[in-house]
């Protein structure tokens, strides 16, 4: 099972098909094609799965989740931290039924 860390939308492409998100300091591109047009705005918190924005979440809930992740990540070394943050892009179960 893969867990999705809340990510903040920091930029949306001109054609509104992709966005740049910040996941605890790691920026990457995400696809918006699973969301309705205009549903996601800069500043929103979203959950990703294999590079796609799957849903938008409440900021208060997102920040609480991020704090929990930070506590867990403090117990890991730097390599483990980066792997955990980027894990949803390489989810081993993405093809599983």
N, C-alpha and C. Protein backbone atom coordinates (compact mmCIF):
# COMPACT_ATOMS: atom_id res chain seq x y z
N UNK A 1 0.83 -1.17 0.00
CA UNK A 1 0.00 0.00 0.00
C UNK A 1 0.88 1.24 0.00
N UNK A 2 0.47 2.25 -0.74
CA UNK A 2 1.19 3.51 -0.79
C UNK A 2 0.40 4.58 -0.06
N UNK A 3 1.11 5.39 0.67
CA UNK A 3 0.48 6.51 1.36
C UNK A 3 0.79 7.78 0.61
N UNK A 4 -0.16 8.68 0.56
CA UNK A 4 0.02 9.93 -0.14
C UNK A 4 0.19 11.06 0.87
N UNK A 5 1.28 11.79 0.76
CA UNK A 5 1.53 12.93 1.63
C UNK A 5 0.86 14.14 1.01
N UNK A 6 0.11 14.92 1.79
CA UNK A 6 -0.51 16.12 1.22
C UNK A 6 0.55 17.03 0.58
N UNK A 7 0.22 17.55 -0.59
CA UNK A 7 1.13 18.42 -1.34
C UNK A 7 0.41 19.72 -1.65
N UNK A 8 1.15 20.82 -1.57
CA UNK A 8 0.57 22.14 -1.84
C UNK A 8 0.82 22.53 -3.30
N UNK A 9 -0.23 22.96 -3.97
CA UNK A 9 -0.11 23.40 -5.36
C UNK A 9 0.55 24.78 -5.37
N UNK A 10 1.68 24.89 -6.08
CA UNK A 10 2.41 26.16 -6.12
C UNK A 10 2.36 26.82 -7.49
N UNK A 11 1.95 26.07 -8.52
CA UNK A 11 1.85 26.62 -9.86
C UNK A 11 0.94 25.72 -10.70
N UNK A 12 0.19 26.34 -11.60
CA UNK A 12 -0.66 25.59 -12.53
C UNK A 12 -0.26 25.99 -13.94
N UNK A 13 -0.12 25.00 -14.82
CA UNK A 13 0.29 25.27 -16.20
C UNK A 13 -0.76 26.11 -16.92
N UNK A 14 -0.34 26.79 -17.98
CA UNK A 14 -1.25 27.63 -18.77
C UNK A 14 -2.44 26.84 -19.29
N UNK A 15 -2.19 25.60 -19.73
CA UNK A 15 -3.28 24.80 -20.27
C UNK A 15 -4.07 24.06 -19.19
N UNK A 16 -3.68 24.25 -17.95
CA UNK A 16 -4.38 23.71 -16.77
C UNK A 16 -4.45 22.18 -16.73
N UNK A 17 -3.50 21.51 -17.39
CA UNK A 17 -3.46 20.04 -17.37
C UNK A 17 -2.45 19.51 -16.37
N UNK A 18 -1.52 20.35 -15.95
CA UNK A 18 -0.53 19.94 -14.96
C UNK A 18 -0.34 21.06 -13.94
N UNK A 19 0.28 20.69 -12.84
CA UNK A 19 0.62 21.67 -11.82
C UNK A 19 1.95 21.28 -11.18
N UNK A 20 2.54 22.23 -10.49
CA UNK A 20 3.72 21.96 -9.69
C UNK A 20 3.26 21.93 -8.25
N UNK A 21 3.64 20.89 -7.54
CA UNK A 21 3.29 20.76 -6.12
C UNK A 21 4.55 20.71 -5.28
N UNK A 22 4.39 21.12 -4.05
CA UNK A 22 5.47 21.07 -3.07
C UNK A 22 5.06 20.05 -2.02
N UNK A 23 5.83 18.98 -1.95
CA UNK A 23 5.58 17.92 -0.97
C UNK A 23 6.70 17.97 0.06
N UNK A 24 6.47 18.69 1.14
CA UNK A 24 7.44 18.82 2.21
C UNK A 24 8.81 19.27 1.68
N UNK A 25 8.80 20.26 0.80
CA UNK A 25 10.04 20.81 0.27
C UNK A 25 10.52 20.21 -1.03
N UNK A 26 9.90 19.15 -1.48
CA UNK A 26 10.25 18.52 -2.75
C UNK A 26 9.22 18.95 -3.78
N UNK A 27 9.68 19.64 -4.84
CA UNK A 27 8.76 20.11 -5.88
C UNK A 27 8.79 19.15 -7.06
N UNK A 28 7.59 18.93 -7.62
CA UNK A 28 7.48 18.06 -8.79
C UNK A 28 6.20 18.38 -9.54
N UNK A 29 6.14 17.88 -10.76
CA UNK A 29 4.97 18.10 -11.60
C UNK A 29 3.94 17.01 -11.34
N UNK A 30 2.67 17.40 -11.38
CA UNK A 30 1.57 16.44 -11.22
C UNK A 30 0.52 16.71 -12.29
N UNK A 31 -0.15 15.66 -12.71
CA UNK A 31 -1.17 15.75 -13.75
C UNK A 31 -2.52 16.09 -13.12
N UNK A 32 -3.25 17.03 -13.73
CA UNK A 32 -4.56 17.46 -13.23
C UNK A 32 -5.73 16.86 -13.99
N UNK A 33 -5.48 15.96 -14.91
CA UNK A 33 -6.53 15.45 -15.79
C UNK A 33 -7.62 14.63 -15.07
N UNK A 34 -7.38 14.21 -13.83
CA UNK A 34 -8.39 13.47 -13.08
C UNK A 34 -9.34 14.40 -12.31
N UNK A 35 -9.05 15.70 -12.36
CA UNK A 35 -9.85 16.68 -11.63
C UNK A 35 -10.70 17.49 -12.60
N UNK A 36 -11.81 18.02 -12.11
CA UNK A 36 -12.67 18.88 -12.93
C UNK A 36 -11.95 20.20 -13.20
N UNK A 37 -12.20 20.79 -14.35
CA UNK A 37 -11.60 22.08 -14.70
C UNK A 37 -11.86 23.11 -13.61
N UNK A 38 -10.80 23.78 -13.18
CA UNK A 38 -10.92 24.84 -12.19
C UNK A 38 -11.08 24.38 -10.76
N UNK A 39 -11.11 23.06 -10.52
CA UNK A 39 -11.31 22.55 -9.17
C UNK A 39 -10.11 22.78 -8.27
N UNK A 40 -8.91 22.79 -8.86
CA UNK A 40 -7.68 22.95 -8.09
C UNK A 40 -7.08 24.32 -8.40
N UNK A 41 -6.74 25.05 -7.34
CA UNK A 41 -6.16 26.38 -7.47
C UNK A 41 -4.79 26.42 -6.76
N UNK A 42 -3.96 27.40 -7.13
CA UNK A 42 -2.70 27.60 -6.43
C UNK A 42 -3.02 27.84 -4.96
N UNK A 43 -2.27 27.15 -4.09
CA UNK A 43 -2.48 27.25 -2.64
C UNK A 43 -3.28 26.11 -2.06
N UNK A 44 -3.99 25.35 -2.91
CA UNK A 44 -4.75 24.19 -2.44
C UNK A 44 -3.82 23.05 -2.05
N UNK A 45 -4.28 22.21 -1.15
CA UNK A 45 -3.58 20.97 -0.80
C UNK A 45 -4.27 19.82 -1.51
N UNK A 46 -3.47 18.94 -2.08
CA UNK A 46 -3.99 17.81 -2.85
C UNK A 46 -3.28 16.53 -2.44
N UNK A 47 -3.89 15.41 -2.83
CA UNK A 47 -3.27 14.09 -2.67
C UNK A 47 -2.96 13.56 -4.06
N UNK A 48 -1.78 12.96 -4.21
CA UNK A 48 -1.33 12.42 -5.49
C UNK A 48 -1.25 10.91 -5.43
N UNK A 49 -1.42 10.30 -6.59
CA UNK A 49 -1.14 8.88 -6.74
C UNK A 49 -0.55 8.69 -8.13
N UNK A 50 0.61 8.11 -8.18
CA UNK A 50 1.40 7.86 -9.40
C UNK A 50 1.42 9.08 -10.33
N UNK A 51 1.59 10.25 -9.73
CA UNK A 51 1.76 11.47 -10.51
C UNK A 51 0.48 12.21 -10.88
N UNK A 52 -0.68 11.69 -10.47
CA UNK A 52 -1.95 12.34 -10.75
C UNK A 52 -2.54 12.93 -9.48
N UNK A 53 -3.09 14.14 -9.57
CA UNK A 53 -3.84 14.71 -8.46
C UNK A 53 -5.16 13.95 -8.41
N UNK A 54 -5.43 13.31 -7.27
CA UNK A 54 -6.63 12.49 -7.13
C UNK A 54 -7.75 13.22 -6.41
N UNK A 55 -7.40 14.08 -5.45
CA UNK A 55 -8.42 14.87 -4.79
C UNK A 55 -7.79 16.03 -4.03
N UNK A 56 -8.62 16.99 -3.71
CA UNK A 56 -8.22 18.16 -2.96
C UNK A 56 -8.63 17.91 -1.51
N UNK A 57 -7.80 18.38 -0.55
CA UNK A 57 -8.15 18.17 0.85
C UNK A 57 -8.10 19.50 1.60
N UNK A 58 -8.78 19.53 2.72
CA UNK A 58 -8.85 20.69 3.59
C UNK A 58 -7.47 21.05 4.12
N UNK A 59 -7.15 22.33 4.16
CA UNK A 59 -5.83 22.77 4.61
C UNK A 59 -5.52 22.33 6.04
N UNK A 60 -6.49 22.44 6.93
CA UNK A 60 -6.27 22.05 8.33
C UNK A 60 -5.92 20.55 8.43
N UNK A 61 -6.64 19.74 7.68
CA UNK A 61 -6.38 18.29 7.65
C UNK A 61 -5.01 18.01 7.04
N UNK A 62 -4.69 18.73 5.97
CA UNK A 62 -3.39 18.55 5.30
C UNK A 62 -2.24 18.88 6.25
N UNK A 63 -2.34 20.01 6.94
CA UNK A 63 -1.26 20.42 7.84
C UNK A 63 -1.10 19.46 9.01
N UNK A 64 -2.20 18.92 9.52
CA UNK A 64 -2.12 17.93 10.60
C UNK A 64 -1.43 16.66 10.10
N UNK A 65 -1.75 16.23 8.89
CA UNK A 65 -1.11 15.04 8.31
C UNK A 65 0.38 15.28 8.10
N UNK A 66 0.73 16.47 7.61
CA UNK A 66 2.13 16.79 7.37
C UNK A 66 2.92 16.77 8.68
N UNK A 67 2.34 17.27 9.75
CA UNK A 67 3.03 17.23 11.05
C UNK A 67 3.30 15.79 11.49
N UNK A 68 2.33 14.91 11.27
CA UNK A 68 2.52 13.49 11.62
C UNK A 68 3.65 12.89 10.78
N UNK A 69 3.65 13.18 9.48
CA UNK A 69 4.73 12.69 8.61
C UNK A 69 6.08 13.21 9.07
N UNK A 70 6.14 14.49 9.46
CA UNK A 70 7.41 15.07 9.92
C UNK A 70 7.95 14.31 11.12
N UNK A 71 7.07 13.95 12.04
CA UNK A 71 7.50 13.19 13.22
C UNK A 71 8.09 11.84 12.81
N UNK A 72 7.45 11.20 11.85
CA UNK A 72 7.95 9.91 11.36
C UNK A 72 9.28 10.10 10.65
N UNK A 73 9.36 11.12 9.79
CA UNK A 73 10.57 11.35 9.01
C UNK A 73 11.78 11.71 9.87
N UNK A 74 11.55 12.34 11.01
CA UNK A 74 12.65 12.69 11.91
C UNK A 74 13.40 11.45 12.38
N UNK A 75 12.75 10.32 12.37
CA UNK A 75 13.36 9.08 12.82
C UNK A 75 14.16 8.38 11.71
N UNK A 76 14.10 8.93 10.48
CA UNK A 76 14.78 8.32 9.34
C UNK A 76 16.03 9.10 8.97
N UNK A 77 16.96 8.43 8.25
CA UNK A 77 18.10 9.17 7.72
C UNK A 77 17.67 9.87 6.42
N UNK A 78 18.53 10.73 5.87
CA UNK A 78 18.17 11.57 4.72
C UNK A 78 17.73 10.76 3.50
N UNK A 79 18.42 9.69 3.19
CA UNK A 79 18.05 8.87 2.03
C UNK A 79 16.66 8.26 2.22
N UNK A 80 16.38 7.76 3.41
CA UNK A 80 15.06 7.19 3.69
C UNK A 80 13.97 8.26 3.59
N UNK A 81 14.27 9.49 4.05
CA UNK A 81 13.30 10.59 3.98
C UNK A 81 12.91 10.88 2.54
N UNK A 82 13.91 11.07 1.68
CA UNK A 82 13.64 11.39 0.28
C UNK A 82 12.84 10.27 -0.38
N UNK A 83 13.19 9.04 -0.09
CA UNK A 83 12.48 7.91 -0.67
C UNK A 83 11.02 7.90 -0.21
N UNK A 84 10.78 8.17 1.06
CA UNK A 84 9.41 8.17 1.59
C UNK A 84 8.58 9.28 0.96
N UNK A 85 9.17 10.45 0.77
CA UNK A 85 8.45 11.58 0.20
C UNK A 85 8.10 11.33 -1.26
N UNK A 86 8.99 10.69 -2.00
CA UNK A 86 8.79 10.46 -3.43
C UNK A 86 8.11 9.13 -3.74
N UNK A 87 7.83 8.32 -2.73
CA UNK A 87 7.37 6.95 -2.92
C UNK A 87 6.12 6.81 -3.80
N UNK A 88 5.18 7.73 -3.74
CA UNK A 88 3.96 7.54 -4.51
C UNK A 88 4.20 7.57 -6.01
N UNK A 89 5.31 8.16 -6.47
CA UNK A 89 5.63 8.15 -7.89
C UNK A 89 6.06 6.77 -8.36
N UNK A 90 6.49 5.93 -7.45
CA UNK A 90 6.98 4.60 -7.80
C UNK A 90 6.25 3.53 -7.01
N UNK A 91 4.98 3.75 -6.76
CA UNK A 91 4.18 2.84 -5.96
C UNK A 91 4.22 1.43 -6.55
N UNK A 92 4.70 0.45 -5.77
CA UNK A 92 4.81 -0.92 -6.30
C UNK A 92 3.47 -1.57 -6.57
N UNK A 93 2.39 -1.06 -5.98
CA UNK A 93 1.06 -1.67 -6.13
C UNK A 93 0.21 -0.98 -7.19
N UNK A 94 0.77 -0.04 -7.94
CA UNK A 94 -0.07 0.72 -8.85
C UNK A 94 -0.71 -0.13 -9.93
N UNK A 95 -0.14 -1.27 -10.26
CA UNK A 95 -0.76 -2.16 -11.25
C UNK A 95 -1.56 -3.27 -10.63
N UNK A 96 -1.57 -3.33 -9.29
CA UNK A 96 -2.27 -4.40 -8.60
C UNK A 96 -3.77 -4.19 -8.66
N UNK A 97 -4.55 -5.26 -8.70
CA UNK A 97 -6.02 -5.13 -8.73
C UNK A 97 -6.56 -4.63 -7.43
